[in-house]
Amino acid sequence: MLAIVGFIAVSNCSRIPENNDPVLGIWVKAELLNEDSSKKTTTPISEEWIFNDVYLGRYHRYSNNEIVFYTDFRWDVVDGVYTISYSEEDLSSVQVSLNNELLEFENGDVFATRK
């Protein structure tokens, strides 16, 4: 009986709190990159951030619908400002705010939209 009570106590203490942050989900940014101005050709480039509930995520960059780069990131939120810190050292941390279905920089420029 004591073993059962001990098991229940330990399993209840190890639960991860539920995270219902509105940023959870997939966010995207799409743009066209001009590769060769003499031929006037463009290649579609898009980016995707997948935020999960344990303050981690995955970043993907696509070219012609194929992944050309990906890395993990950590995120946190303080006073409505989300900080995205990439595991790839070449990428700088980003701070954005949630405005309806948009993630925006402090100056109001759009960082990403909800997918």
Protein backbone atom coordinates (compact mmCIF):
# COMPACT_ATOMS: atom_id res chain seq x y z
CA MET A 1 0.00 0.00 0.00
CA LEU A 2 2.83 2.36 0.90
CA ALA A 3 4.50 1.63 -2.46
CA ILE A 4 1.31 2.54 -4.34
CA VAL A 5 0.94 5.83 -2.46
CA GLY A 6 4.63 6.62 -3.13
CA PHE A 7 4.26 5.89 -6.84
CA ILE A 8 1.18 8.12 -7.13
CA ALA A 9 2.94 10.95 -5.28
CA VAL A 10 6.01 10.77 -7.53
CA SER A 11 4.01 10.53 -10.76
CA ASN A 12 1.86 13.54 -9.80
CA CYS A 13 4.92 15.66 -9.10
CA SER A 14 6.50 14.94 -12.48
CA ARG A 15 3.67 16.29 -14.64
CA ILE A 16 4.54 19.04 -17.08
CA PRO A 17 2.22 22.04 -16.76
CA GLU A 18 -0.10 22.49 -19.73
CA ASN A 19 0.96 25.26 -22.09
CA ASN A 20 -1.89 26.92 -23.99
CA ASP A 21 0.08 29.88 -25.30
CA PRO A 22 -1.55 31.41 -28.39
CA VAL A 23 1.75 31.25 -30.33
CA LEU A 24 1.63 27.44 -30.47
CA GLY A 25 1.36 26.11 -33.99
CA ILE A 26 2.84 26.85 -37.38
CA TRP A 27 3.82 30.33 -38.58
CA VAL A 28 5.01 31.13 -42.11
CA LYS A 29 6.62 33.87 -44.14
CA ALA A 30 6.74 33.73 -47.94
CA GLU A 31 8.63 35.99 -50.33
CA LEU A 32 10.21 35.87 -53.77
CA LEU A 33 13.96 36.03 -54.17
CA ASN A 34 15.22 37.46 -57.42
CA GLU A 35 18.10 35.21 -58.52
CA ASP A 36 18.95 36.54 -61.97
CA SER A 37 17.78 40.02 -62.90
CA SER A 38 18.95 39.65 -66.52
CA LYS A 39 16.63 36.66 -67.02
CA LYS A 40 13.99 38.11 -64.67
CA THR A 41 13.60 34.77 -62.94
CA THR A 42 12.54 34.42 -59.34
CA THR A 43 12.67 31.52 -56.96
CA PRO A 44 9.98 31.24 -54.30
CA ILE A 45 11.48 31.30 -50.83
CA SER A 46 9.46 30.62 -47.68
CA GLU A 47 10.17 30.17 -44.00
CA GLU A 48 8.28 28.21 -41.37
CA TRP A 49 8.41 28.20 -37.57
CA ILE A 50 6.74 25.40 -35.62
CA PHE A 51 6.19 26.36 -31.97
CA ASN A 52 5.49 23.51 -29.55
CA ASP A 53 4.23 23.52 -25.98
CA VAL A 54 7.54 22.83 -24.23
CA TYR A 55 9.09 26.14 -25.38
CA LEU A 56 10.95 24.54 -28.27
CA GLY A 57 10.44 24.61 -32.01
CA ARG A 58 11.74 23.88 -35.46
CA TYR A 59 12.62 26.41 -38.15
CA HIS A 60 12.58 25.50 -41.88
CA ARG A 61 13.63 27.51 -44.93
CA TYR A 62 12.25 26.34 -48.29
CA SER A 63 13.27 27.10 -51.86
CA ASN A 64 10.98 25.81 -54.62
CA ASN A 65 9.08 23.86 -51.93
CA GLU A 66 12.21 21.95 -50.86
CA ILE A 67 13.87 22.34 -47.47
CA VAL A 68 17.23 24.06 -47.91
CA PHE A 69 17.93 24.77 -44.23
CA TYR A 70 16.49 23.81 -40.84
CA THR A 71 17.39 24.20 -37.20
CA ASP A 72 15.81 24.01 -33.77
CA PHE A 73 14.95 26.99 -31.61
CA ARG A 74 13.92 27.81 -28.06
CA TRP A 75 11.26 30.38 -27.31
CA ASP A 76 9.97 32.21 -24.29
CA VAL A 77 7.55 35.02 -23.63
CA VAL A 78 7.90 37.90 -21.16
CA ASP A 79 5.27 40.65 -20.99
CA GLY A 80 3.89 39.70 -24.41
CA VAL A 81 7.27 39.75 -26.16
CA TYR A 82 8.39 36.43 -27.64
CA THR A 83 12.10 35.75 -27.92
CA ILE A 84 13.16 33.14 -30.47
CA SER A 85 16.70 31.82 -29.91
CA TYR A 86 18.07 29.54 -32.61
CA SER A 87 20.42 26.65 -31.89
CA GLU A 88 22.38 27.59 -35.02
CA GLU A 89 24.94 30.19 -33.92
CA ASP A 90 24.81 32.04 -37.25
CA LEU A 91 21.20 33.11 -36.61
CA SER A 92 20.53 35.97 -34.22
CA SER A 93 17.76 35.87 -31.65
CA VAL A 94 14.53 37.59 -32.65
CA GLN A 95 11.95 39.41 -30.52
CA VAL A 96 8.37 39.67 -31.77
CA SER A 97 4.88 40.32 -30.43
CA LEU A 98 1.63 38.54 -31.19
CA ASN A 99 -1.04 40.67 -32.87
CA ASN A 100 -4.08 38.52 -33.80
CA GLU A 101 -2.77 36.17 -36.51
CA LEU A 102 0.53 38.02 -36.96
CA LEU A 103 3.91 37.93 -35.28
CA GLU A 104 5.35 41.43 -35.55
CA PHE A 105 8.60 43.19 -34.85
CA GLU A 106 8.54 46.14 -32.44
CA ASN A 107 8.29 48.58 -35.39
CA GLY A 108 5.15 46.82 -36.70
CA ASP A 109 6.78 44.95 -39.60
CA VAL A 110 5.39 41.45 -40.05
CA PHE A 111 7.69 38.61 -39.01
CA ALA A 112 5.29 35.74 -39.80
CA THR A 113 1.62 34.85 -40.17
CA ARG A 114 -0.29 31.92 -38.74
CA LYS A 115 -0.63 29.03 -41.16
